[in-house]
Amino acid sequence: MKGIICTKEIYREIVPKIIQDEASWSRFLNFSAIHYKMGFENASLLYAQRPDATMVETYAGWREKGRYVRRGSKGIAVIESGYCRPYVDHVFDISNTNGRGRPEIWRLDKENEREVLNLLHAKSPNIQGYVREAVESEIYSEKQKYIENISDLCRYHDSQNPEHIYDITKAVIQSAQYMTAVRIRAEPPPVSSLLPVLATAPRLMVYGLCSTALSVAGQVLMGIENVFEMKKEKERPVMEYGKEQGIGTTDRKHDKGIAGQSIPAIRHQPHQNTDTFKRQGNGSHKRTEKAGYEQLSLSFDGGYAFCDCGRAL
């Protein structure tokens, strides 16, 4: 019971602080740009508990990445979706882990900017222009229904004036562009235009508009991340071929098979942790024997119920 109430209160208390002025909102967007795969709810919870966090994962998620959480480390409460209802899970910052190496993080710079833009099929010749076009394309996408959601929020809580809806949409776009630009080290636009709307909006409308801004920026950034993954996959066969050629040359110099045939090189297969095969999906936020969870049927503005609770060790 205590865990559920605390998580709910953390969220309700941090949101007004996040949107109280331009500096606070900008700081939060800078933080969210690092954790762009998180929605507004979890980004807010993470920001409230560990504003210095740079990379977070569950206990099992870190094990899958070859790192382990140090004993006694305090978990950061976040909300995850279960099969039937959401539950409280815990993530840990990389500063609370040990391991052989840090996970690789993609970075956009002058050296790879042109190649990345080509792979993204960008119309703009520079990354600054791509941020503008990508965010607008995402928010007006019929598939995601962002505009429909913004219109519904305005009709239910504010007004049905089309011009007002357009102004609010434009303000959300600016915040999404700011967050995207910060992550790829481009010049961000101002974010002050959304704050007057949030200052007078009902709580649910605030949550909805902030969630939309972070969701749009997150989708654009994940699209860029996918391009870096494609680049990595394209480069891997070339690197492996070079290694094989080197191994094969060495083998031919020293080892001979029957009838003068060289013994083929055997590629090293890395050790597979058995826990990897036990896990499902990408292992980000799955239930394990060491990652405790707290079941709850909870909306942040509704009631709650709970059953067994646990904490990540």
C-alpha atoms as a PDB file:
ATOM      1  CA  MET A   1       0.000   0.000   0.000  1.00  0.00           C
ATOM      2  CA  LYS A   2       2.751   2.436   0.969  1.00  0.00           C
ATOM      3  CA  GLY A   3       4.657   1.805  -2.277  1.00  0.00           C
ATOM      4  CA  ILE A   4       1.618   2.481  -4.433  1.00  0.00           C
ATOM      5  CA  ILE A   5       0.699   5.684  -2.640  1.00  0.00           C
ATOM      6  CA  CYS A   6       4.288   6.962  -2.742  1.00  0.00           C
ATOM      7  CA  THR A   7       4.644   6.343  -6.477  1.00  0.00           C
ATOM      8  CA  LYS A   8       1.331   8.045  -7.151  1.00  0.00           C
ATOM      9  CA  GLU A   9       2.235  11.050  -5.011  1.00  0.00           C
ATOM     10  CA  ILE A  10       5.709  11.402  -6.547  1.00  0.00           C
ATOM     11  CA  TYR A  11       4.126  11.805  -9.962  1.00  0.00           C
ATOM     12  CA  ARG A  12       1.498  14.291  -8.810  1.00  0.00           C
ATOM     13  CA  GLU A  13       4.028  16.415  -6.931  1.00  0.00           C
ATOM     14  CA  ILE A  14       6.729  16.588  -9.606  1.00  0.00           C
ATOM     15  CA  VAL A  15       4.554  17.620 -12.580  1.00  0.00           C
ATOM     16  CA  PRO A  16       3.694  21.152 -11.296  1.00  0.00           C
ATOM     17  CA  LYS A  17       7.402  21.719 -10.575  1.00  0.00           C
ATOM     18  CA  ILE A  18       8.373  20.598 -14.079  1.00  0.00           C
ATOM     19  CA  ILE A  19       6.058  23.086 -15.796  1.00  0.00           C
ATOM     20  CA  GLN A  20       6.345  26.023 -13.375  1.00  0.00           C
ATOM     21  CA  ASP A  21       8.586  28.090 -15.697  1.00  0.00           C
ATOM     22  CA  GLU A  22      10.622  27.905 -18.897  1.00  0.00           C
ATOM     23  CA  ALA A  23      13.857  26.979 -17.127  1.00  0.00           C
ATOM     24  CA  SER A  24      12.213  24.054 -15.304  1.00  0.00           C
ATOM     25  CA  TRP A  25      10.511  22.775 -18.452  1.00  0.00           C
ATOM     26  CA  SER A  26      13.761  23.066 -20.431  1.00  0.00           C
ATOM     27  CA  ARG A  27      15.685  21.125 -17.778  1.00  0.00           C
ATOM     28  CA  PHE A  28      13.106  18.367 -17.855  1.00  0.00           C
ATOM     29  CA  LEU A  29      13.197  18.169 -21.667  1.00  0.00           C
ATOM     30  CA  ASN A  30      16.999  17.971 -21.533  1.00  0.00           C
ATOM     31  CA  PHE A  31      16.674  15.087 -19.076  1.00  0.00           C
ATOM     32  CA  SER A  32      13.975  13.384 -21.164  1.00  0.00           C
ATOM     33  CA  ALA A  33      16.162  13.655 -24.272  1.00  0.00           C
ATOM     34  CA  ILE A  34      18.590  11.248 -22.584  1.00  0.00           C
ATOM     35  CA  HIS A  35      15.804   8.850 -21.583  1.00  0.00           C
ATOM     36  CA  TYR A  36      13.761   9.291 -24.778  1.00  0.00           C
ATOM     37  CA  LYS A  37      12.357   5.760 -24.718  1.00  0.00           C
ATOM     38  CA  MET A  38      10.398   6.585 -21.570  1.00  0.00           C
ATOM     39  CA  GLY A  39       6.956   8.128 -21.637  1.00  0.00           C
ATOM     40  CA  PHE A  40       6.061  11.255 -19.694  1.00  0.00           C
ATOM     41  CA  GLU A  41       4.928   9.354 -16.597  1.00  0.00           C
ATOM     42  CA  ASN A  42       8.113   7.347 -16.135  1.00  0.00           C
ATOM     43  CA  ALA A  43      10.376  10.202 -17.211  1.00  0.00           C
ATOM     44  CA  SER A  44       8.723  12.331 -14.503  1.00  0.00           C
ATOM     45  CA  LEU A  45       9.146   9.607 -11.886  1.00  0.00           C
ATOM     46  CA  LEU A  46      12.784   9.114 -12.847  1.00  0.00           C
ATOM     47  CA  TYR A  47      13.421  12.872 -12.822  1.00  0.00           C
ATOM     48  CA  ALA A  48      11.868  13.207  -9.370  1.00  0.00           C
ATOM     49  CA  GLN A  49      13.907  10.377  -7.850  1.00  0.00           C
ATOM     50  CA  ARG A  50      17.213  10.495  -9.762  1.00  0.00           C
ATOM     51  CA  PRO A  51      17.670  13.720 -11.756  1.00  0.00           C
ATOM     52  CA  ASP A  52      21.324  12.746 -12.267  1.00  0.00           C
ATOM     53  CA  ALA A  53      20.490   9.409 -13.947  1.00  0.00           C
ATOM     54  CA  THR A  54      22.211   8.913 -17.302  1.00  0.00           C
ATOM     55  CA  MET A  55      21.239   5.364 -18.290  1.00  0.00           C
ATOM     56  CA  VAL A  56      18.754   3.088 -16.534  1.00  0.00           C
ATOM     57  CA  GLU A  57      17.671  -0.526 -16.831  1.00  0.00           C
ATOM     58  CA  THR A  58      16.005  -3.187 -14.736  1.00  0.00           C
ATOM     59  CA  TYR A  59      18.058  -5.643 -12.695  1.00  0.00           C
ATOM     60  CA  ALA A  60      17.612  -8.295 -15.374  1.00  0.00           C
ATOM     61  CA  GLY A  61      18.191  -5.785 -18.152  1.00  0.00           C
ATOM     62  CA  TRP A  62      21.638  -4.915 -16.815  1.00  0.00           C
ATOM     63  CA  ARG A  63      22.532  -8.604 -16.546  1.00  0.00           C
ATOM     64  CA  GLU A  64      21.616  -9.027 -20.185  1.00  0.00           C
ATOM     65  CA  LYS A  65      23.972  -6.174 -21.066  1.00  0.00           C
ATOM     66  CA  GLY A  66      26.839  -7.819 -19.194  1.00  0.00           C
ATOM     67  CA  ARG A  67      26.639  -5.669 -16.075  1.00  0.00           C
ATOM     68  CA  TYR A  68      25.342  -6.322 -12.574  1.00  0.00           C
ATOM     69  CA  VAL A  69      23.686  -4.120  -9.972  1.00  0.00           C
ATOM     70  CA  ARG A  70      25.765  -3.610  -6.854  1.00  0.00           C
ATOM     71  CA  ARG A  71      24.298  -5.074  -3.692  1.00  0.00           C
ATOM     72  CA  GLY A  72      22.315  -2.580  -1.658  1.00  0.00           C
ATOM     73  CA  SER A  73      21.639  -0.207  -4.564  1.00  0.00           C
ATOM     74  CA  LYS A  74      18.310   1.588  -4.308  1.00  0.00           C
ATOM     75  CA  GLY A  75      15.922   1.030  -7.192  1.00  0.00           C
ATOM     76  CA  ILE A  76      14.004   3.821  -8.929  1.00  0.00           C
ATOM     77  CA  ALA A  77      10.246   3.200  -9.026  1.00  0.00           C
ATOM     78  CA  VAL A  78       8.596   3.289 -12.461  1.00  0.00           C
ATOM     79  CA  ILE A  79       5.261   2.121 -13.836  1.00  0.00           C
ATOM     80  CA  GLU A  80       5.189  -0.790 -16.269  1.00  0.00           C
ATOM     81  CA  SER A  81       2.295  -2.398 -18.133  1.00  0.00           C
ATOM     82  CA  GLY A  82       1.350  -5.914 -17.124  1.00  0.00           C
ATOM     83  CA  TYR A  83      -0.832  -8.439 -18.886  1.00  0.00           C
ATOM     84  CA  CYS A  84      -3.938  -7.269 -17.031  1.00  0.00           C
ATOM     85  CA  ARG A  85      -2.904  -4.210 -15.074  1.00  0.00           C
ATOM     86  CA  PRO A  86       0.077  -1.879 -14.553  1.00  0.00           C
ATOM     87  CA  TYR A  87       2.595  -2.562 -11.809  1.00  0.00           C
ATOM     88  CA  VAL A  88       5.472  -0.818 -10.061  1.00  0.00           C
ATOM     89  CA  ASP A  89       8.899  -1.983 -11.230  1.00  0.00           C
ATOM     90  CA  HIS A  90      12.366  -0.711 -10.356  1.00  0.00           C
ATOM     91  CA  VAL A  91      15.225   0.424 -12.569  1.00  0.00           C
ATOM     92  CA  PHE A  92      18.830   1.198 -11.650  1.00  0.00           C
ATOM     93  CA  ASP A  93      21.202   3.827 -12.985  1.00  0.00           C
ATOM     94  CA  ILE A  94      24.444   2.689 -14.591  1.00  0.00           C
ATOM     95  CA  SER A  95      26.347   4.382 -11.743  1.00  0.00           C
ATOM     96  CA  ASN A  96      24.969   1.623  -9.486  1.00  0.00           C
ATOM     97  CA  THR A  97      26.353  -1.155 -11.685  1.00  0.00           C
ATOM     98  CA  ASN A  98      29.681  -2.820 -12.406  1.00  0.00           C
ATOM     99  CA  GLY A  99      30.809  -4.655 -15.501  1.00  0.00           C
ATOM    100  CA  ARG A 100      33.421  -4.963 -18.204  1.00  0.00           C
ATOM    101  CA  GLY A 101      32.167  -2.234 -20.508  1.00  0.00           C
ATOM    102  CA  ARG A 102      29.532   0.456 -20.937  1.00  0.00           C
ATOM    103  CA  PRO A 103      26.742  -0.078 -23.467  1.00  0.00           C
ATOM    104  CA  GLU A 104      27.384   1.840 -26.668  1.00  0.00           C
ATOM    105  CA  ILE A 105      25.346   5.027 -27.164  1.00  0.00           C
ATOM    106  CA  TRP A 106      24.761   6.466 -30.620  1.00  0.00           C
ATOM    107  CA  ARG A 107      26.012   9.962 -31.302  1.00  0.00           C
ATOM    108  CA  LEU A 108      25.322  12.242 -34.224  1.00  0.00           C
ATOM    109  CA  ASP A 109      28.239  14.454 -35.266  1.00  0.00           C
ATOM    110  CA  LYS A 110      29.627  16.263 -38.294  1.00  0.00           C
ATOM    111  CA  GLU A 111      31.390  13.117 -39.521  1.00  0.00           C
ATOM    112  CA  ASN A 112      28.279  10.936 -39.782  1.00  0.00           C
ATOM    113  CA  GLU A 113      25.579  13.599 -40.223  1.00  0.00           C
ATOM    114  CA  ARG A 114      25.421  13.396 -44.029  1.00  0.00           C
ATOM    115  CA  GLU A 115      25.293   9.596 -44.085  1.00  0.00           C
ATOM    116  CA  VAL A 116      22.576   9.503 -41.414  1.00  0.00           C
ATOM    117  CA  LEU A 117      20.474  12.099 -43.252  1.00  0.00           C
ATOM    118  CA  ASN A 118      20.732  10.049 -46.454  1.00  0.00           C
ATOM    119  CA  LEU A 119      19.630   6.891 -44.644  1.00  0.00           C
ATOM    120  CA  LEU A 120      16.718   8.821 -43.129  1.00  0.00           C
ATOM    121  CA  HIS A 121      15.719  10.019 -46.630  1.00  0.00           C
ATOM    122  CA  ALA A 122      15.686  13.550 -45.253  1.00  0.00           C
ATOM    123  CA  LYS A 123      14.565  16.351 -47.552  1.00  0.00           C
ATOM    124  CA  SER A 124      16.524  18.919 -45.588  1.00  0.00           C
ATOM    125  CA  PRO A 125      20.275  19.237 -46.251  1.00  0.00           C
ATOM    126  CA  ASN A 126      21.066  19.669 -42.542  1.00  0.00           C
ATOM    127  CA  ILE A 127      20.075  18.095 -39.259  1.00  0.00           C
ATOM    128  CA  GLN A 128      18.422  21.300 -38.030  1.00  0.00           C
ATOM    129  CA  GLY A 129      15.925  21.162 -40.875  1.00  0.00           C
ATOM    130  CA  TYR A 130      15.421  17.439 -40.407  1.00  0.00           C
ATOM    131  CA  VAL A 131      14.343  17.959 -36.796  1.00  0.00           C
ATOM    132  CA  ARG A 132      11.642  20.391 -37.903  1.00  0.00           C
ATOM    133  CA  GLU A 133      10.315  18.219 -40.717  1.00  0.00           C
ATOM    134  CA  ALA A 134      10.507  14.929 -38.777  1.00  0.00           C
ATOM    135  CA  VAL A 135       8.627  16.222 -35.722  1.00  0.00           C
ATOM    136  CA  GLU A 136       5.900  17.828 -37.824  1.00  0.00           C
ATOM    137  CA  SER A 137       5.579  14.702 -39.961  1.00  0.00           C
ATOM    138  CA  GLU A 138       5.265  12.549 -36.842  1.00  0.00           C
ATOM    139  CA  ILE A 139       2.680  14.673 -35.067  1.00  0.00           C
ATOM    140  CA  TYR A 140       0.485  14.984 -38.168  1.00  0.00           C
ATOM    141  CA  SER A 141       0.737  11.262 -38.898  1.00  0.00           C
ATOM    142  CA  GLU A 142      -2.728   9.702 -39.050  1.00  0.00           C
ATOM    143  CA  LYS A 143      -1.355   6.444 -37.682  1.00  0.00           C
ATOM    144  CA  GLN A 144      -0.467   7.911 -34.276  1.00  0.00           C
ATOM    145  CA  LYS A 145      -3.559  10.160 -34.015  1.00  0.00           C
ATOM    146  CA  TYR A 146      -1.711  12.860 -32.075  1.00  0.00           C
ATOM    147  CA  ILE A 147      -3.778  15.679 -33.594  1.00  0.00           C
ATOM    148  CA  GLU A 148      -6.992  13.842 -32.811  1.00  0.00           C
ATOM    149  CA  ASN A 149      -5.894  13.401 -29.202  1.00  0.00           C
ATOM    150  CA  ILE A 150      -4.936  17.071 -28.851  1.00  0.00           C
ATOM    151  CA  SER A 151      -8.287  18.123 -30.325  1.00  0.00           C
ATOM    152  CA  ASP A 152     -10.132  15.856 -27.896  1.00  0.00           C
ATOM    153  CA  LEU A 153      -8.224  17.308 -24.938  1.00  0.00           C
ATOM    154  CA  CYS A 154      -9.073  20.842 -26.051  1.00  0.00           C
ATOM    155  CA  ARG A 155     -12.755  20.057 -26.589  1.00  0.00           C
ATOM    156  CA  TYR A 156     -13.169  18.288 -23.269  1.00  0.00           C
ATOM    157  CA  HIS A 157     -11.186  20.701 -21.126  1.00  0.00           C
ATOM    158  CA  ASP A 158     -10.701  23.984 -22.918  1.00  0.00           C
ATOM    159  CA  SER A 159     -12.362  25.089 -26.141  1.00  0.00           C
ATOM    160  CA  GLN A 160     -13.402  23.993 -29.612  1.00  0.00           C
ATOM    161  CA  ASN A 161     -11.831  26.972 -31.344  1.00  0.00           C
ATOM    162  CA  PRO A 162      -9.804  25.579 -34.305  1.00  0.00           C
ATOM    163  CA  GLU A 163      -7.294  28.425 -34.049  1.00  0.00           C
ATOM    164  CA  HIS A 164      -6.717  27.682 -30.384  1.00  0.00           C
ATOM    165  CA  ILE A 165      -6.215  23.980 -31.151  1.00  0.00           C
ATOM    166  CA  TYR A 166      -3.711  24.933 -33.860  1.00  0.00           C
ATOM    167  CA  ASP A 167      -1.774  27.187 -31.454  1.00  0.00           C
ATOM    168  CA  ILE A 168      -1.621  24.432 -28.839  1.00  0.00           C
ATOM    169  CA  THR A 169      -0.456  21.917 -31.439  1.00  0.00           C
ATOM    170  CA  LYS A 170       2.267  24.315 -32.559  1.00  0.00           C
ATOM    171  CA  ALA A 171       3.398  24.736 -28.942  1.00  0.00           C
ATOM    172  CA  VAL A 172       3.581  20.952 -28.476  1.00  0.00           C
ATOM    173  CA  ILE A 173       5.615  20.701 -31.700  1.00  0.00           C
ATOM    174  CA  GLN A 174       8.124  23.255 -30.402  1.00  0.00           C
ATOM    175  CA  SER A 175       8.682  21.277 -27.196  1.00  0.00           C
ATOM    176  CA  ALA A 176       9.099  18.043 -29.162  1.00  0.00           C
ATOM    177  CA  GLN A 177      11.569  19.766 -31.505  1.00  0.00           C
ATOM    178  CA  TYR A 178      13.490  21.105 -28.514  1.00  0.00           C
ATOM    179  CA  MET A 179      13.842  17.651 -26.958  1.00  0.00           C
ATOM    180  CA  THR A 180      14.889  16.083 -30.275  1.00  0.00           C
ATOM    181  CA  ALA A 181      17.414  18.829 -31.030  1.00  0.00           C
ATOM    182  CA  VAL A 182      19.009  18.544 -27.590  1.00  0.00           C
ATOM    183  CA  ARG A 183      19.651  14.811 -28.033  1.00  0.00           C
ATOM    184  CA  ILE A 184      21.378  15.238 -31.402  1.00  0.00           C
ATOM    185  CA  ARG A 185      23.197  18.415 -30.333  1.00  0.00           C
ATOM    186  CA  ALA A 186      21.408  20.749 -32.719  1.00  0.00           C
ATOM    187  CA  GLU A 187      20.213  24.278 -31.935  1.00  0.00           C
ATOM    188  CA  PRO A 188      16.902  23.887 -30.044  1.00  0.00           C
ATOM    189  CA  PRO A 189      13.898  26.198 -30.555  1.00  0.00           C
ATOM    190  CA  PRO A 190      12.251  28.099 -27.662  1.00  0.00           C
ATOM    191  CA  VAL A 191       9.827  26.156 -25.484  1.00  0.00           C
ATOM    192  CA  SER A 192       8.002  28.980 -23.704  1.00  0.00           C
ATOM    193  CA  SER A 193       4.908  28.840 -25.951  1.00  0.00           C
ATOM    194  CA  LEU A 194       3.518  25.713 -24.273  1.00  0.00           C
ATOM    195  CA  LEU A 195       3.797  26.987 -20.704  1.00  0.00           C
ATOM    196  CA  PRO A 196       0.888  29.500 -20.773  1.00  0.00           C
ATOM    197  CA  VAL A 197      -1.345  26.665 -21.974  1.00  0.00           C
ATOM    198  CA  LEU A 198      -0.157  24.308 -19.234  1.00  0.00           C
ATOM    199  CA  ALA A 199      -0.487  27.005 -16.559  1.00  0.00           C
ATOM    200  CA  THR A 200      -4.265  27.264 -17.012  1.00  0.00           C
ATOM    201  CA  ALA A 201      -5.074  23.754 -18.242  1.00  0.00           C
ATOM    202  CA  PRO A 202      -6.730  21.082 -16.076  1.00  0.00           C
ATOM    203  CA  ARG A 203      -4.460  18.346 -14.770  1.00  0.00           C
ATOM    204  CA  LEU A 204      -5.475  15.696 -17.299  1.00  0.00           C
ATOM    205  CA  MET A 205      -4.897  18.105 -20.167  1.00  0.00           C
ATOM    206  CA  VAL A 206      -1.429  18.915 -18.819  1.00  0.00           C
ATOM    207  CA  TYR A 207      -0.581  15.206 -18.659  1.00  0.00           C
ATOM    208  CA  GLY A 208      -1.949  14.656 -22.153  1.00  0.00           C
ATOM    209  CA  LEU A 209      -0.067  17.516 -23.834  1.00  0.00           C
ATOM    210  CA  CYS A 210       3.218  16.723 -22.076  1.00  0.00           C
ATOM    211  CA  SER A 211       2.854  13.046 -22.956  1.00  0.00           C
ATOM    212  CA  THR A 212       2.285  13.965 -26.604  1.00  0.00           C
ATOM    213  CA  ALA A 213       5.398  16.155 -26.755  1.00  0.00           C
ATOM    214  CA  LEU A 214       7.625  13.432 -25.284  1.00  0.00           C
ATOM    215  CA  SER A 215       6.042  10.695 -27.380  1.00  0.00           C
ATOM    216  CA  VAL A 216       6.576  12.571 -30.660  1.00  0.00           C
ATOM    217  CA  ALA A 217      10.203  13.386 -29.835  1.00  0.00           C
ATOM    218  CA  GLY A 218      10.801   9.811 -28.690  1.00  0.00           C
ATOM    219  CA  GLN A 219       9.497   8.379 -31.957  1.00  0.00           C
ATOM    220  CA  VAL A 220      11.766  10.651 -34.015  1.00  0.00           C
ATOM    221  CA  LEU A 221      14.813   9.790 -31.905  1.00  0.00           C
ATOM    222  CA  MET A 222      14.089   6.068 -32.086  1.00  0.00           C
ATOM    223  CA  GLY A 223      13.947   6.424 -35.856  1.00  0.00           C
ATOM    224  CA  ILE A 224      17.450   7.915 -35.792  1.00  0.00           C
ATOM    225  CA  GLU A 225      18.599   5.148 -33.448  1.00  0.00           C
ATOM    226  CA  ASN A 226      17.318   2.552 -35.927  1.00  0.00           C
ATOM    227  CA  VAL A 227      19.485   4.126 -38.633  1.00  0.00           C
ATOM    228  CA  PHE A 228      22.554   3.747 -36.428  1.00  0.00           C
ATOM    229  CA  GLU A 229      21.614   0.095 -35.881  1.00  0.00           C
ATOM    230  CA  MET A 230      21.372  -0.340 -39.656  1.00  0.00           C
ATOM    231  CA  LYS A 231      24.813   1.226 -40.067  1.00  0.00           C
ATOM    232  CA  LYS A 232      26.219  -1.140 -37.473  1.00  0.00           C
ATOM    233  CA  GLU A 233      24.702  -4.175 -39.197  1.00  0.00           C
ATOM    234  CA  LYS A 234      26.138  -3.084 -42.551  1.00  0.00           C
ATOM    235  CA  GLU A 235      29.611  -2.596 -41.089  1.00  0.00           C
ATOM    236  CA  ARG A 236      29.653  -5.868 -39.144  1.00  0.00           C
ATOM    237  CA  PRO A 237      29.994  -8.290 -42.138  1.00  0.00           C
ATOM    238  CA  VAL A 238      32.927  -6.262 -43.495  1.00  0.00           C
ATOM    239  CA  MET A 239      34.697  -6.382 -40.138  1.00  0.00           C
ATOM    240  CA  GLU A 240      34.005 -10.100 -39.700  1.00  0.00           C
ATOM    241  CA  TYR A 241      35.202 -10.842 -43.230  1.00  0.00           C
ATOM    242  CA  GLY A 242      38.460  -9.040 -42.509  1.00  0.00           C
ATOM    243  CA  LYS A 243      38.944 -11.058 -39.327  1.00  0.00           C
ATOM    244  CA  GLU A 244      38.212 -14.328 -41.121  1.00  0.00           C
ATOM    245  CA  GLN A 245      40.681 -13.479 -43.869  1.00  0.00           C
ATOM    246  CA  GLY A 246      43.363 -12.800 -41.282  1.00  0.00           C
ATOM    247  CA  ILE A 247      42.655 -16.042 -39.436  1.00  0.00           C
ATOM    248  CA  GLY A 248      42.547 -18.046 -42.662  1.00  0.00           C
ATOM    249  CA  THR A 249      45.903 -16.666 -43.814  1.00  0.00           C
ATOM    250  CA  THR A 250      47.542 -17.583 -40.526  1.00  0.00           C
ATOM    251  CA  ASP A 251      46.089 -21.078 -40.607  1.00  0.00           C
ATOM    252  CA  ARG A 252      47.298 -21.726 -44.144  1.00  0.00           C
ATOM    253  CA  LYS A 253      50.828 -20.813 -43.134  1.00  0.00           C
ATOM    254  CA  HIS A 254      50.983 -23.223 -40.208  1.00  0.00           C
ATOM    255  CA  ASP A 255      48.348 -25.923 -40.627  1.00  0.00           C
ATOM    256  CA  LYS A 256      47.816 -28.260 -43.549  1.00  0.00           C
ATOM    257  CA  GLY A 257      45.036 -30.767 -43.954  1.00  0.00           C
ATOM    258  CA  ILE A 258      44.912 -34.055 -45.872  1.00  0.00           C
ATOM    259  CA  ALA A 259      46.035 -33.863 -49.506  1.00  0.00           C
ATOM    260  CA  GLY A 260      47.429 -30.393 -48.980  1.00  0.00           C
ATOM    261  CA  GLN A 261      44.063 -28.822 -48.101  1.00  0.00           C
ATOM    262  CA  SER A 262      44.196 -26.160 -45.448  1.00  0.00           C
ATOM    263  CA  ILE A 263      42.146 -26.529 -42.302  1.00  0.00           C
ATOM    264  CA  PRO A 264      39.319 -23.978 -42.346  1.00  0.00           C
ATOM    265  CA  ALA A 265      39.383 -21.302 -39.696  1.00  0.00           C
ATOM    266  CA  ILE A 266      36.891 -21.736 -36.866  1.00  0.00           C
ATOM    267  CA  ARG A 267      35.193 -18.564 -35.767  1.00  0.00           C
ATOM    268  CA  HIS A 268      35.038 -18.034 -32.062  1.00  0.00           C
ATOM    269  CA  GLN A 269      31.539 -18.249 -30.626  1.00  0.00           C
ATOM    270  CA  PRO A 270      31.063 -16.073 -27.542  1.00  0.00           C
ATOM    271  CA  HIS A 271      29.772 -17.658 -24.392  1.00  0.00           C
ATOM    272  CA  GLN A 272      25.993 -17.426 -24.074  1.00  0.00           C
ATOM    273  CA  ASN A 273      24.602 -16.756 -20.647  1.00  0.00           C
ATOM    274  CA  THR A 274      21.844 -19.245 -19.886  1.00  0.00           C
ATOM    275  CA  ASP A 275      19.762 -16.469 -18.385  1.00  0.00           C
ATOM    276  CA  THR A 276      19.521 -14.921 -21.840  1.00  0.00           C
ATOM    277  CA  PHE A 277      17.540 -17.886 -23.118  1.00  0.00           C
ATOM    278  CA  LYS A 278      15.196 -17.807 -20.166  1.00  0.00           C
ATOM    279  CA  ARG A 279      14.140 -14.236 -20.831  1.00  0.00           C
ATOM    280  CA  GLN A 280      11.526 -13.149 -23.325  1.00  0.00           C
ATOM    281  CA  GLY A 281      11.588 -10.128 -25.614  1.00  0.00           C
ATOM    282  CA  ASN A 282      14.401  -7.636 -25.188  1.00  0.00           C
ATOM    283  CA  GLY A 283      14.538  -8.090 -21.434  1.00  0.00           C
ATOM    284  CA  SER A 284      13.919  -4.439 -20.681  1.00  0.00           C
ATOM    285  CA  HIS A 285      11.148  -4.648 -18.133  1.00  0.00           C
ATOM    286  CA  LYS A 286      10.235  -8.267 -17.641  1.00  0.00           C
ATOM    287  CA  ARG A 287       9.424 -10.083 -14.451  1.00  0.00           C
ATOM    288  CA  THR A 288      12.266 -12.154 -12.926  1.00  0.00           C
ATOM    289  CA  GLU A 289      12.985 -13.796  -9.612  1.00  0.00           C
ATOM    290  CA  LYS A 290      15.214 -10.862  -8.652  1.00  0.00           C
ATOM    291  CA  ALA A 291      13.257  -7.971 -10.069  1.00  0.00           C
ATOM    292  CA  GLY A 292      10.424  -7.407  -7.664  1.00  0.00           C
ATOM    293  CA  TYR A 293       7.188  -5.803  -8.704  1.00  0.00           C
ATOM    294  CA  GLU A 294       4.078  -4.424  -7.169  1.00  0.00           C
ATOM    295  CA  GLN A 295       0.810  -5.162  -8.935  1.00  0.00           C
ATOM    296  CA  LEU A 296      -1.714  -2.381  -9.079  1.00  0.00           C
ATOM    297  CA  SER A 297      -4.817  -1.372 -10.936  1.00  0.00           C
ATOM    298  CA  LEU A 298      -4.121   2.306 -10.911  1.00  0.00           C
ATOM    299  CA  SER A 299      -4.640   5.408 -12.951  1.00  0.00           C
ATOM    300  CA  PHE A 300      -2.867   8.409 -11.506  1.00  0.00           C
ATOM    301  CA  ASP A 301      -6.160  10.211 -11.186  1.00  0.00           C
ATOM    302  CA  GLY A 302      -8.253   7.244 -10.155  1.00  0.00           C
ATOM    303  CA  GLY A 303      -8.384   4.625  -7.472  1.00  0.00           C
ATOM    304  CA  TYR A 304      -5.930   1.869  -6.787  1.00  0.00           C
ATOM    305  CA  ALA A 305      -5.728  -1.682  -5.541  1.00  0.00           C
ATOM    306  CA  PHE A 306      -2.711  -3.827  -4.895  1.00  0.00           C
ATOM    307  CA  CYS A 307      -1.469  -7.324  -4.234  1.00  0.00           C
ATOM    308  CA  ASP A 308       1.997  -8.821  -3.614  1.00  0.00           C
ATOM    309  CA  CYS A 309       4.876  -6.378  -3.580  1.00  0.00           C
ATOM    310  CA  GLY A 310       8.604  -6.760  -3.817  1.00  0.00           C
ATOM    311  CA  ARG A 311      11.768  -4.808  -4.349  1.00  0.00           C
ATOM    312  CA  ALA A 312      14.647  -5.354  -6.709  1.00  0.00           C
ATOM    313  CA  LEU A 313      17.585  -6.763  -4.795  1.00  0.00           C
END
